[in-house]
Every structure is written in structure tokens, then in C-alpha cells.
């Protein structure tokens, strides 16, 4: 009985604060497939974007369509393109100790992207997203610092992929609300 009351109270609290799960990613009906490209070879961000798009039900075309497969070339020609134009990382010192050594850094990650239809028209115009996280880096513990930085970098990449998909979804939903776009939606797959 206590668990039931606690569950009801928790559900009422979440409903009262405005919490609700995100809707599935919405893509235009004229986008049968998506090709994710980047100027950075072997970009982890493009792998995350492909995985997240695939999880939402989008068909993904490999960035390098094989020339010997006519079906793959045809799909690539009809695919929308999510282009990651730039990925930049930076460490900014934000705190120093009495000896002038850096004690704390701000890890910054900025990305420029554009989402184009197969015909080359822009669905989502070129945009910049910048994320940052602070981390402590005592000069006497170089091993722990590099490990913490790597963990934060992986977290920032995941957040960047989710931010890019939310931006695309926001543009598509606003155009659909205005009636200027026909959309398709997979209601079973959440945006991550």
C-alpha cells in the first residue's frame, strides 16, 4: 500500500512540474534516408548521430556509397544530408593556484552543422552549437586529469548529438505547425 501511494505521489509530482517524455524525432516526408557526413575523418560525433537517427527509425546511408552498388548509389542520391562542417575542442583555464599553475579548466566543444534535403535546399540552416563542462585538474595528478577529460569529452559528444537532433526536430515541428511541411514520425522511437 505504501509503494502504491508513493508511486501515485511521484507521478503526481512529475505531472505537476510539467515533466513529460520527449516525442519521437520528426522528419519531413520527403526525406526517405539520411546521410551523415563530416569534415573530420572517423568522427565519433557522426557515428553517434547515425546511431541516434537509426534508433528513431530513419534510414541511414553510409557516408561513402560504394560505386559498384547501383542501389546504394541511388539511395545516396535521394538522401538528405546532415553535414557536420566543423568540430572544435578547447581547454580554457578558469582557476589557478598560488604558484600560477592551472587548477581548473573549462572543456569547450563547438560544432557547426547544416541539414539539407536531397535537392540541396536547406531544411535546417547552418547553425553553431557550443557546449562546455568544467573539470578540476590538479597539476600533481596528470593521470586522473586525462581520464576525467576523456569521460567529459565522451559525454559532450553524446550531448552534442542529442542537441543537433533536437534542433532538427524543432525546425521540422515548427514548419509542420505552420503547415509548410509534410512530416512523417515514428512514434515508437524516442529522441536521445
N, C-alpha and C. Protein backbone atom coordinates (compact mmCIF):
# COMPACT_ATOMS: atom_id res chain seq x y z
N UNK A 1 0.83 -1.19 0.00
CA UNK A 1 0.00 0.00 0.00
C UNK A 1 0.87 1.26 0.00
N UNK A 2 1.97 1.20 0.76
CA UNK A 2 2.87 2.34 0.84
C UNK A 2 3.52 2.60 -0.52
N UNK A 3 3.90 1.54 -1.20
CA UNK A 3 4.52 1.69 -2.52
C UNK A 3 3.54 2.31 -3.51
N UNK A 4 2.29 1.89 -3.45
CA UNK A 4 1.28 2.44 -4.34
C UNK A 4 1.09 3.93 -4.10
N UNK A 5 1.00 4.31 -2.84
CA UNK A 5 0.85 5.73 -2.51
C UNK A 5 2.08 6.54 -2.92
N UNK A 6 3.25 5.96 -2.72
CA UNK A 6 4.49 6.64 -3.11
C UNK A 6 4.55 6.79 -4.64
N UNK A 7 4.13 5.77 -5.37
CA UNK A 7 4.12 5.84 -6.84
C UNK A 7 3.15 6.90 -7.33
N UNK A 8 1.97 6.96 -6.72
CA UNK A 8 0.98 7.97 -7.11
C UNK A 8 1.50 9.36 -6.81
N UNK A 9 2.13 9.54 -5.65
CA UNK A 9 2.67 10.85 -5.29
C UNK A 9 3.78 11.27 -6.25
N UNK A 10 4.63 10.33 -6.62
CA UNK A 10 5.72 10.63 -7.56
C UNK A 10 5.15 11.00 -8.93
N UNK A 11 4.17 10.24 -9.40
CA UNK A 11 3.56 10.54 -10.70
C UNK A 11 2.86 11.89 -10.68
N UNK A 12 2.18 12.20 -9.60
CA UNK A 12 1.50 13.50 -9.48
C UNK A 12 2.52 14.64 -9.44
N UNK A 13 3.62 14.40 -8.75
CA UNK A 13 4.67 15.42 -8.68
C UNK A 13 5.29 15.69 -10.04
N UNK A 14 5.57 14.63 -10.80
CA UNK A 14 6.14 14.80 -12.13
C UNK A 14 5.15 15.48 -13.07
N UNK A 15 3.88 15.12 -12.98
CA UNK A 15 2.87 15.73 -13.84
C UNK A 15 2.70 17.21 -13.48
N UNK A 16 2.79 17.52 -12.21
CA UNK A 16 2.62 18.90 -11.76
C UNK A 16 3.77 19.81 -12.15
N UNK A 17 4.97 19.25 -12.29
CA UNK A 17 6.12 20.09 -12.63
C UNK A 17 6.25 20.30 -14.13
N UNK A 18 5.41 19.64 -14.93
CA UNK A 18 5.46 19.83 -16.37
C UNK A 18 6.32 18.81 -17.08
N UNK A 19 6.85 17.83 -16.37
CA UNK A 19 7.68 16.80 -16.99
C UNK A 19 6.83 15.93 -17.92
N UNK A 20 7.36 15.66 -19.10
CA UNK A 20 6.77 14.68 -19.99
C UNK A 20 7.87 14.15 -20.90
N UNK A 21 7.78 12.88 -21.31
CA UNK A 21 8.81 12.32 -22.19
C UNK A 21 8.83 13.04 -23.54
N UNK A 22 10.01 13.06 -24.13
CA UNK A 22 10.13 13.69 -25.45
C UNK A 22 9.39 12.88 -26.49
N UNK A 23 8.89 13.58 -27.48
CA UNK A 23 8.26 12.91 -28.61
C UNK A 23 9.35 12.33 -29.50
N UNK A 24 8.94 11.46 -30.39
CA UNK A 24 9.88 10.88 -31.35
C UNK A 24 10.34 11.96 -32.32
N UNK A 25 11.52 11.76 -32.89
CA UNK A 25 12.06 12.68 -33.87
C UNK A 25 11.14 12.76 -35.07
N UNK A 26 10.90 13.95 -35.52
CA UNK A 26 10.02 14.17 -36.67
C UNK A 26 10.90 14.56 -37.86
N UNK A 27 10.74 13.85 -38.97
CA UNK A 27 11.46 14.16 -40.20
C UNK A 27 10.45 14.45 -41.30
N UNK A 28 10.82 15.27 -42.28
CA UNK A 28 9.91 15.54 -43.39
C UNK A 28 9.60 14.28 -44.18
N UNK A 29 8.42 14.22 -44.76
CA UNK A 29 8.02 13.06 -45.55
C UNK A 29 8.88 12.89 -46.79
N UNK A 30 9.47 14.00 -47.28
CA UNK A 30 10.30 13.92 -48.49
C UNK A 30 11.75 13.53 -48.19
N UNK A 31 12.02 13.07 -46.96
CA UNK A 31 13.37 12.63 -46.59
C UNK A 31 13.31 11.12 -46.36
N UNK A 32 13.53 10.33 -47.43
CA UNK A 32 13.46 8.88 -47.27
C UNK A 32 14.65 8.30 -46.52
N UNK A 33 15.80 8.96 -46.63
CA UNK A 33 17.01 8.47 -45.97
C UNK A 33 17.90 9.65 -45.63
N UNK A 34 18.82 9.42 -44.70
CA UNK A 34 19.73 10.48 -44.26
C UNK A 34 21.16 9.97 -44.37
N UNK A 35 22.03 10.85 -44.85
CA UNK A 35 23.45 10.55 -44.93
C UNK A 35 24.16 11.56 -44.03
N UNK A 36 24.92 11.07 -43.05
CA UNK A 36 25.64 11.94 -42.12
C UNK A 36 27.09 12.02 -42.59
N UNK A 37 27.57 13.24 -42.81
CA UNK A 37 28.94 13.43 -43.26
C UNK A 37 29.65 14.41 -42.34
N UNK A 38 30.97 14.35 -42.36
CA UNK A 38 31.78 15.24 -41.54
C UNK A 38 33.10 15.51 -42.24
N UNK A 39 33.67 16.68 -41.93
CA UNK A 39 34.99 17.01 -42.43
C UNK A 39 36.09 16.33 -41.63
N UNK A 40 35.71 15.78 -40.47
CA UNK A 40 36.66 15.09 -39.59
C UNK A 40 36.62 13.60 -39.91
N UNK A 41 37.73 13.03 -40.39
CA UNK A 41 37.73 11.60 -40.69
C UNK A 41 37.50 10.78 -39.42
N UNK A 42 36.68 9.74 -39.50
CA UNK A 42 36.39 8.83 -38.38
C UNK A 42 35.81 9.57 -37.18
N UNK A 43 34.96 10.53 -37.43
CA UNK A 43 34.37 11.33 -36.36
C UNK A 43 33.45 10.49 -35.47
N UNK A 44 33.67 10.56 -34.18
CA UNK A 44 32.81 9.88 -33.22
C UNK A 44 31.42 10.51 -33.22
N UNK A 45 31.35 11.82 -33.46
CA UNK A 45 30.07 12.51 -33.49
C UNK A 45 29.18 11.97 -34.61
N UNK A 46 29.75 11.74 -35.79
CA UNK A 46 28.93 11.21 -36.89
C UNK A 46 28.43 9.81 -36.57
N UNK A 47 29.25 9.01 -35.90
CA UNK A 47 28.80 7.67 -35.51
C UNK A 47 27.63 7.76 -34.53
N UNK A 48 27.72 8.68 -33.58
CA UNK A 48 26.63 8.87 -32.62
C UNK A 48 25.36 9.37 -33.32
N UNK A 49 25.52 10.31 -34.25
CA UNK A 49 24.36 10.83 -34.98
C UNK A 49 23.70 9.72 -35.79
N UNK A 50 24.49 8.91 -36.47
CA UNK A 50 23.94 7.81 -37.25
C UNK A 50 23.19 6.83 -36.36
N UNK A 51 23.80 6.49 -35.23
CA UNK A 51 23.16 5.55 -34.30
C UNK A 51 21.85 6.11 -33.75
N UNK A 52 21.85 7.39 -33.36
CA UNK A 52 20.64 8.00 -32.81
C UNK A 52 19.55 8.15 -33.88
N UNK A 53 19.93 8.52 -35.09
CA UNK A 53 18.95 8.61 -36.18
C UNK A 53 18.36 7.24 -36.49
N UNK A 54 19.22 6.22 -36.52
CA UNK A 54 18.75 4.86 -36.78
C UNK A 54 17.77 4.42 -35.68
N UNK A 55 18.05 4.80 -34.44
CA UNK A 55 17.16 4.45 -33.32
C UNK A 55 15.81 5.14 -33.42
N UNK A 56 15.74 6.26 -34.11
CA UNK A 56 14.46 6.95 -34.27
C UNK A 56 13.69 6.46 -35.49
N UNK A 57 14.26 5.52 -36.22
CA UNK A 57 13.56 4.95 -37.36
C UNK A 57 13.99 5.49 -38.71
N UNK A 58 14.94 6.40 -38.74
CA UNK A 58 15.42 6.94 -40.01
C UNK A 58 16.31 5.91 -40.71
N UNK A 59 16.23 5.90 -42.03
CA UNK A 59 17.13 5.04 -42.81
C UNK A 59 18.44 5.79 -43.00
N UNK A 60 19.54 5.15 -42.70
CA UNK A 60 20.86 5.78 -42.78
C UNK A 60 21.62 5.22 -43.98
N UNK A 61 22.20 6.13 -44.75
CA UNK A 61 23.03 5.77 -45.90
C UNK A 61 24.48 6.01 -45.49
N UNK A 62 25.33 5.07 -45.79
CA UNK A 62 26.75 5.21 -45.45
C UNK A 62 27.33 6.46 -46.12
N UNK A 63 28.25 7.12 -45.44
CA UNK A 63 28.83 8.36 -45.95
C UNK A 63 29.56 8.15 -47.27
N UNK A 64 30.10 6.95 -47.48
CA UNK A 64 30.79 6.67 -48.74
C UNK A 64 30.06 5.54 -49.45
N UNK A 65 29.13 5.90 -50.30
CA UNK A 65 28.38 4.89 -51.06
C UNK A 65 29.33 4.18 -52.01
N UNK A 66 29.20 2.86 -52.05
CA UNK A 66 30.07 2.08 -52.93
C UNK A 66 29.68 2.30 -54.38
N UNK A 67 30.67 2.59 -55.21
CA UNK A 67 30.41 2.85 -56.63
C UNK A 67 29.94 1.62 -57.38
N UNK A 68 30.21 0.42 -56.87
CA UNK A 68 29.83 -0.78 -57.58
C UNK A 68 28.42 -1.25 -57.23
N UNK A 69 27.75 -0.58 -56.32
CA UNK A 69 26.40 -0.97 -55.92
C UNK A 69 25.41 0.10 -56.39
N UNK A 70 24.67 -0.15 -57.49
CA UNK A 70 23.76 0.86 -58.03
C UNK A 70 22.63 1.22 -57.06
N UNK A 71 22.17 0.25 -56.27
CA UNK A 71 21.10 0.53 -55.31
C UNK A 71 21.59 1.52 -54.25
N UNK A 72 22.79 1.30 -53.76
CA UNK A 72 23.35 2.18 -52.74
C UNK A 72 23.59 3.58 -53.31
N UNK A 73 24.07 3.66 -54.55
CA UNK A 73 24.27 4.97 -55.17
C UNK A 73 22.95 5.71 -55.37
N UNK A 74 21.90 4.97 -55.75
CA UNK A 74 20.59 5.58 -55.95
C UNK A 74 20.04 6.10 -54.62
N UNK A 75 20.17 5.30 -53.56
CA UNK A 75 19.71 5.74 -52.24
C UNK A 75 20.49 6.97 -51.78
N UNK A 76 21.80 6.99 -52.02
CA UNK A 76 22.62 8.12 -51.62
C UNK A 76 22.22 9.38 -52.38
N UNK A 77 21.83 9.24 -53.64
CA UNK A 77 21.42 10.40 -54.43
C UNK A 77 20.11 11.00 -53.91
N UNK A 78 19.23 10.15 -53.35
CA UNK A 78 17.94 10.62 -52.84
C UNK A 78 17.98 10.93 -51.35
N UNK A 79 19.13 10.87 -50.73
CA UNK A 79 19.22 11.05 -49.28
C UNK A 79 19.41 12.51 -48.89
N UNK A 80 18.80 12.86 -47.78
CA UNK A 80 19.08 14.16 -47.17
C UNK A 80 20.47 14.08 -46.55
N UNK A 81 21.12 15.22 -46.35
CA UNK A 81 22.48 15.20 -45.82
C UNK A 81 22.57 16.05 -44.56
N UNK A 82 22.99 15.39 -43.50
CA UNK A 82 23.32 16.08 -42.26
C UNK A 82 24.83 16.25 -42.27
N UNK A 83 25.27 17.48 -42.52
CA UNK A 83 26.70 17.74 -42.67
C UNK A 83 27.24 18.42 -41.42
N UNK A 84 28.21 17.76 -40.80
CA UNK A 84 28.94 18.37 -39.69
C UNK A 84 30.13 19.08 -40.32
N UNK A 85 30.04 20.40 -40.39
CA UNK A 85 31.04 21.19 -41.10
C UNK A 85 32.29 21.42 -40.28
N UNK A 86 32.15 21.46 -38.96
CA UNK A 86 33.30 21.74 -38.11
C UNK A 86 33.06 21.19 -36.71
N UNK A 87 34.12 20.64 -36.12
CA UNK A 87 34.13 20.22 -34.72
C UNK A 87 35.37 20.83 -34.10
N UNK A 88 35.19 21.57 -33.03
CA UNK A 88 36.33 22.22 -32.36
C UNK A 88 36.31 21.92 -30.87
N UNK A 89 37.48 21.61 -30.34
CA UNK A 89 37.66 21.38 -28.90
C UNK A 89 38.59 22.44 -28.35
N UNK A 90 38.40 22.80 -27.10
CA UNK A 90 39.31 23.74 -26.47
C UNK A 90 39.27 23.62 -24.96
N UNK A 91 40.42 23.82 -24.34
CA UNK A 91 40.52 23.86 -22.88
C UNK A 91 40.85 25.29 -22.48
N UNK A 92 40.04 25.85 -21.61
CA UNK A 92 40.23 27.21 -21.14
C UNK A 92 40.52 27.17 -19.64
N UNK A 93 41.70 27.64 -19.21
CA UNK A 93 41.98 27.67 -17.77
C UNK A 93 41.03 28.65 -17.08
N UNK A 94 40.42 28.21 -15.98
CA UNK A 94 39.50 29.11 -15.27
C UNK A 94 39.87 29.32 -13.82
N UNK A 95 40.85 28.58 -13.29
CA UNK A 95 41.30 28.80 -11.91
C UNK A 95 42.77 28.41 -11.81
N UNK A 96 43.54 29.21 -11.09
CA UNK A 96 44.97 28.92 -10.88
C UNK A 96 45.26 28.90 -9.38
N UNK A 97 46.35 28.22 -9.02
CA UNK A 97 46.74 28.17 -7.60
C UNK A 97 47.72 29.30 -7.30
N UNK A 98 48.24 29.32 -6.09
CA UNK A 98 49.15 30.37 -5.65
C UNK A 98 50.46 30.39 -6.42
N UNK A 99 50.82 29.30 -7.06
CA UNK A 99 52.07 29.22 -7.82
C UNK A 99 51.85 29.47 -9.31
N UNK A 100 50.64 29.83 -9.68
CA UNK A 100 50.35 30.15 -11.08
C UNK A 100 50.04 28.94 -11.95
N UNK A 101 49.84 27.78 -11.33
CA UNK A 101 49.51 26.57 -12.09
C UNK A 101 47.99 26.45 -12.21
N UNK A 102 47.55 25.97 -13.35
CA UNK A 102 46.12 25.82 -13.58
C UNK A 102 45.56 24.70 -12.73
N UNK A 103 44.46 25.01 -12.02
CA UNK A 103 43.79 24.03 -11.16
C UNK A 103 42.47 23.54 -11.75
N UNK A 104 41.85 24.37 -12.59
CA UNK A 104 40.55 24.02 -13.13
C UNK A 104 40.46 24.51 -14.57
N UNK A 105 39.83 23.70 -15.40
CA UNK A 105 39.68 24.02 -16.82
C UNK A 105 38.20 24.00 -17.20
N UNK A 106 37.90 24.64 -18.30
CA UNK A 106 36.60 24.53 -18.94
C UNK A 106 36.84 23.87 -20.29
N UNK A 107 36.27 22.68 -20.47
CA UNK A 107 36.37 21.95 -21.73
C UNK A 107 35.24 22.44 -22.62
N UNK A 108 35.57 22.94 -23.79
CA UNK A 108 34.58 23.50 -24.71
C UNK A 108 34.55 22.68 -25.99
N UNK A 109 33.33 22.48 -26.48
CA UNK A 109 33.13 21.70 -27.70
C UNK A 109 32.12 22.45 -28.56
N UNK A 110 32.53 22.83 -29.75
CA UNK A 110 31.66 23.58 -30.66
C UNK A 110 31.55 22.83 -31.98
N UNK A 111 30.35 22.85 -32.53
CA UNK A 111 30.08 22.18 -33.79
C UNK A 111 29.25 23.09 -34.68
N UNK A 112 29.56 23.07 -35.97
CA UNK A 112 28.76 23.76 -36.98
C UNK A 112 28.17 22.68 -37.86
N UNK A 113 26.85 22.74 -38.09
CA UNK A 113 26.19 21.74 -38.92
C UNK A 113 25.13 22.38 -39.78
N UNK A 114 24.72 21.66 -40.81
CA UNK A 114 23.63 22.05 -41.70
C UNK A 114 22.92 20.77 -42.13
N UNK A 115 21.59 20.85 -42.30
CA UNK A 115 20.81 19.70 -42.74
C UNK A 115 20.14 20.08 -44.05
N UNK A 116 20.49 19.35 -45.12
CA UNK A 116 19.98 19.66 -46.46
C UNK A 116 19.16 18.51 -47.01
N UNK A 117 18.14 18.87 -47.77
CA UNK A 117 17.35 17.86 -48.48
C UNK A 117 18.19 17.30 -49.62
N UNK A 118 17.68 16.26 -50.26
CA UNK A 118 18.38 15.63 -51.39
C UNK A 118 18.59 16.60 -52.53
N UNK A 119 17.67 17.55 -52.73
CA UNK A 119 17.81 18.52 -53.82
C UNK A 119 18.79 19.65 -53.50
N UNK A 120 19.36 19.64 -52.30
CA UNK A 120 20.34 20.66 -51.91
C UNK A 120 19.76 21.83 -51.15
N UNK A 121 18.43 21.93 -51.06
CA UNK A 121 17.83 23.03 -50.30
C UNK A 121 18.01 22.77 -48.81
N UNK A 122 18.17 23.84 -48.06
CA UNK A 122 18.42 23.71 -46.63
C UNK A 122 17.11 23.51 -45.87
N UNK A 123 17.05 22.45 -45.11
CA UNK A 123 15.93 22.23 -44.22
C UNK A 123 16.23 22.92 -42.89
N UNK A 124 17.44 22.70 -42.37
CA UNK A 124 17.91 23.39 -41.17
C UNK A 124 19.15 24.17 -41.60
N UNK A 125 19.09 25.51 -41.54
CA UNK A 125 20.24 26.29 -41.98
C UNK A 125 21.45 26.07 -41.07
N UNK A 126 22.60 26.49 -41.56
CA UNK A 126 23.84 26.32 -40.82
C UNK A 126 23.70 26.90 -39.42
N UNK A 127 24.07 26.11 -38.42
CA UNK A 127 23.96 26.51 -37.02
C UNK A 127 25.19 26.10 -36.26
N UNK A 128 25.41 26.81 -35.16
CA UNK A 128 26.53 26.51 -34.28
C UNK A 128 25.96 26.10 -32.92
N UNK A 129 26.50 25.03 -32.38
CA UNK A 129 26.16 24.61 -31.02
C UNK A 129 27.47 24.54 -30.25
N UNK A 130 27.48 25.13 -29.07
CA UNK A 130 28.67 25.07 -28.21
C UNK A 130 28.26 24.57 -26.84
N UNK A 131 28.99 23.58 -26.36
CA UNK A 131 28.77 23.00 -25.04
C UNK A 131 30.05 23.12 -24.25
N UNK A 132 29.94 23.17 -22.93
CA UNK A 132 31.15 23.22 -22.11
C UNK A 132 30.92 22.54 -20.77
N UNK A 133 31.98 22.05 -20.18
CA UNK A 133 31.97 21.44 -18.85
C UNK A 133 33.26 21.86 -18.15
N UNK A 134 33.15 22.07 -16.86
CA UNK A 134 34.32 22.42 -16.06
C UNK A 134 34.85 21.16 -15.38
N UNK A 135 36.18 21.10 -15.24
CA UNK A 135 36.77 19.98 -14.51
C UNK A 135 38.01 20.45 -13.77
N UNK A 136 38.26 19.79 -12.65
CA UNK A 136 39.41 20.10 -11.80
C UNK A 136 40.60 19.31 -12.30
N UNK A 137 41.75 19.97 -12.38
CA UNK A 137 42.95 19.33 -12.90
C UNK A 137 44.15 19.69 -12.04
N UNK A 138 44.30 19.05 -10.88
CA UNK A 138 45.46 19.36 -10.06
C UNK A 138 46.75 19.02 -10.80
N UNK A 139 47.74 19.92 -10.78
CA UNK A 139 48.98 19.67 -11.53
C UNK A 139 49.73 18.43 -11.07
N UNK A 140 49.44 17.94 -9.86
CA UNK A 140 50.15 16.78 -9.32
C UNK A 140 49.52 15.45 -9.74
N UNK A 141 48.34 15.48 -10.37
CA UNK A 141 47.63 14.25 -10.75
C UNK A 141 47.28 14.26 -12.23
N UNK A 142 48.29 14.08 -13.07
CA UNK A 142 48.08 14.15 -14.53
C UNK A 142 47.25 12.98 -15.05
N UNK A 143 47.38 11.80 -14.46
CA UNK A 143 46.64 10.63 -14.93
C UNK A 143 45.15 10.79 -14.72
N UNK A 144 44.74 11.19 -13.53
CA UNK A 144 43.32 11.38 -13.23
C UNK A 144 42.72 12.47 -14.09
N UNK A 145 43.51 13.50 -14.38
CA UNK A 145 43.02 14.61 -15.17
C UNK A 145 42.70 14.17 -16.59
N UNK A 146 43.58 13.40 -17.22
CA UNK A 146 43.33 12.97 -18.60
C UNK A 146 42.14 12.02 -18.66
N UNK A 147 41.97 11.17 -17.66
CA UNK A 147 40.83 10.27 -17.64
C UNK A 147 39.53 11.05 -17.48
N UNK A 148 39.51 12.02 -16.59
CA UNK A 148 38.31 12.83 -16.39
C UNK A 148 37.99 13.61 -17.66
N UNK A 149 39.01 14.14 -18.33
CA UNK A 149 38.79 14.88 -19.56
C UNK A 149 38.20 13.99 -20.64
N UNK A 150 38.69 12.75 -20.77
CA UNK A 150 38.17 11.81 -21.76
C UNK A 150 36.71 11.46 -21.48
N UNK A 151 36.36 11.28 -20.22
CA UNK A 151 34.98 10.99 -19.85
C UNK A 151 34.09 12.18 -20.20
N UNK A 152 34.54 13.38 -19.87
CA UNK A 152 33.77 14.58 -20.20
C UNK A 152 33.63 14.77 -21.71
N UNK A 153 34.68 14.47 -22.46
CA UNK A 153 34.62 14.59 -23.92
C UNK A 153 33.58 13.64 -24.50
N UNK A 154 33.54 12.40 -24.01
CA UNK A 154 32.54 11.44 -24.48
C UNK A 154 31.13 11.92 -24.13
N UNK A 155 30.97 12.46 -22.93
CA UNK A 155 29.67 12.99 -22.51
C UNK A 155 29.25 14.17 -23.39
N UNK A 156 30.19 15.05 -23.70
CA UNK A 156 29.88 16.20 -24.55
C UNK A 156 29.50 15.77 -25.96
N UNK A 157 30.15 14.73 -26.49
CA UNK A 157 29.79 14.22 -27.82
C UNK A 157 28.35 13.69 -27.82
N UNK A 158 27.99 12.94 -26.77
CA UNK A 158 26.61 12.42 -26.69
C UNK A 158 25.61 13.57 -26.60
N UNK A 159 25.92 14.57 -25.79
CA UNK A 159 25.03 15.73 -25.66
C UNK A 159 24.96 16.52 -26.97
N UNK A 160 26.07 16.61 -27.69
CA UNK A 160 26.09 17.32 -28.97
C UNK A 160 25.19 16.62 -29.98
N UNK A 161 25.29 15.30 -30.06
CA UNK A 161 24.44 14.54 -30.99
C UNK A 161 22.97 14.76 -30.66
N UNK A 162 22.62 14.71 -29.38
CA UNK A 162 21.24 14.93 -28.97
C UNK A 162 20.80 16.36 -29.27
N UNK A 163 21.68 17.34 -29.07
CA UNK A 163 21.35 18.74 -29.35
C UNK A 163 21.10 18.97 -30.84
N UNK A 164 21.92 18.37 -31.68
CA UNK A 164 21.74 18.51 -33.13
C UNK A 164 20.39 17.93 -33.55
N UNK A 165 20.07 16.75 -33.04
CA UNK A 165 18.80 16.13 -33.40
C UNK A 165 17.62 16.93 -32.86
N UNK A 166 17.75 17.52 -31.67
CA UNK A 166 16.67 18.36 -31.14
C UNK A 166 16.48 19.61 -32.00
N UNK A 167 17.58 20.19 -32.50
CA UNK A 167 17.46 21.36 -33.38
C UNK A 167 16.74 20.99 -34.67
N UNK A 168 17.11 19.86 -35.26
CA UNK A 168 16.45 19.41 -36.49
C UNK A 168 14.96 19.18 -36.20
N UNK A 169 14.67 18.50 -35.13
CA UNK A 169 13.28 18.22 -34.76
C UNK A 169 12.51 19.51 -34.52
N UNK A 170 13.12 20.48 -33.86
CA UNK A 170 12.45 21.75 -33.61
C UNK A 170 12.10 22.50 -34.88
N UNK A 171 13.02 22.52 -35.83
CA UNK A 171 12.75 23.21 -37.11
C UNK A 171 11.64 22.49 -37.87
N UNK A 172 11.71 21.16 -37.92
CA UNK A 172 10.70 20.39 -38.65
C UNK A 172 9.33 20.57 -38.01
N UNK A 173 9.27 20.51 -36.67
CA UNK A 173 7.98 20.68 -35.98
C UNK A 173 7.40 22.09 -36.19
N UNK A 174 8.25 23.10 -36.16
CA UNK A 174 7.73 24.46 -36.34
C UNK A 174 7.22 24.66 -37.77
N UNK A 175 7.92 24.09 -38.75
CA UNK A 175 7.44 24.19 -40.14
C UNK A 175 6.16 23.39 -40.32
N UNK A 176 6.05 22.23 -39.65
CA UNK A 176 4.83 21.42 -39.75
C UNK A 176 3.66 22.15 -39.09
N UNK A 177 3.91 22.83 -37.98
CA UNK A 177 2.85 23.57 -37.29
C UNK A 177 2.33 24.73 -38.16
N UNK A 178 3.22 25.32 -38.93
CA UNK A 178 2.81 26.41 -39.83
C UNK A 178 2.15 25.87 -41.09
N UNK A 179 2.23 24.56 -41.29
CA UNK A 179 1.62 23.95 -42.47
C UNK A 179 2.47 24.03 -43.71
N UNK A 180 3.77 24.34 -43.56
CA UNK A 180 4.64 24.45 -44.73
C UNK A 180 5.44 23.19 -44.99
N UNK A 181 5.14 22.12 -44.24
CA UNK A 181 5.94 20.90 -44.37
C UNK A 181 5.08 19.69 -44.06
N UNK A 182 5.21 18.66 -44.88
CA UNK A 182 4.58 17.38 -44.64
C UNK A 182 5.59 16.53 -43.90
N UNK A 183 5.17 15.92 -42.77
CA UNK A 183 6.13 15.17 -41.96
C UNK A 183 5.71 13.73 -41.78
N UNK A 184 6.71 12.92 -41.43
CA UNK A 184 6.46 11.54 -41.01
C UNK A 184 7.08 11.41 -39.63
N UNK A 185 6.55 10.49 -38.84
CA UNK A 185 7.04 10.34 -37.48
C UNK A 185 6.96 8.89 -37.07
N UNK A 186 8.00 8.41 -36.39
CA UNK A 186 7.98 7.08 -35.81
C UNK A 186 7.69 7.26 -34.33
N UNK A 187 6.49 6.94 -33.91
CA UNK A 187 6.08 7.19 -32.53
C UNK A 187 6.67 6.20 -31.54
N UNK A 188 7.37 5.20 -32.01
CA UNK A 188 7.92 4.20 -31.10
C UNK A 188 9.34 4.52 -30.66
N UNK A 189 10.01 5.42 -31.33
CA UNK A 189 11.42 5.66 -31.04
C UNK A 189 11.61 7.03 -30.41
N UNK A 190 12.27 7.09 -29.23
CA UNK A 190 12.48 8.36 -28.57
C UNK A 190 13.70 9.09 -29.10
N UNK A 191 13.71 10.41 -28.95
CA UNK A 191 14.90 11.21 -29.25
C UNK A 191 15.82 11.08 -28.06
N UNK A 192 17.08 10.86 -28.30
CA UNK A 192 18.02 10.69 -27.18
C UNK A 192 18.84 11.92 -27.00
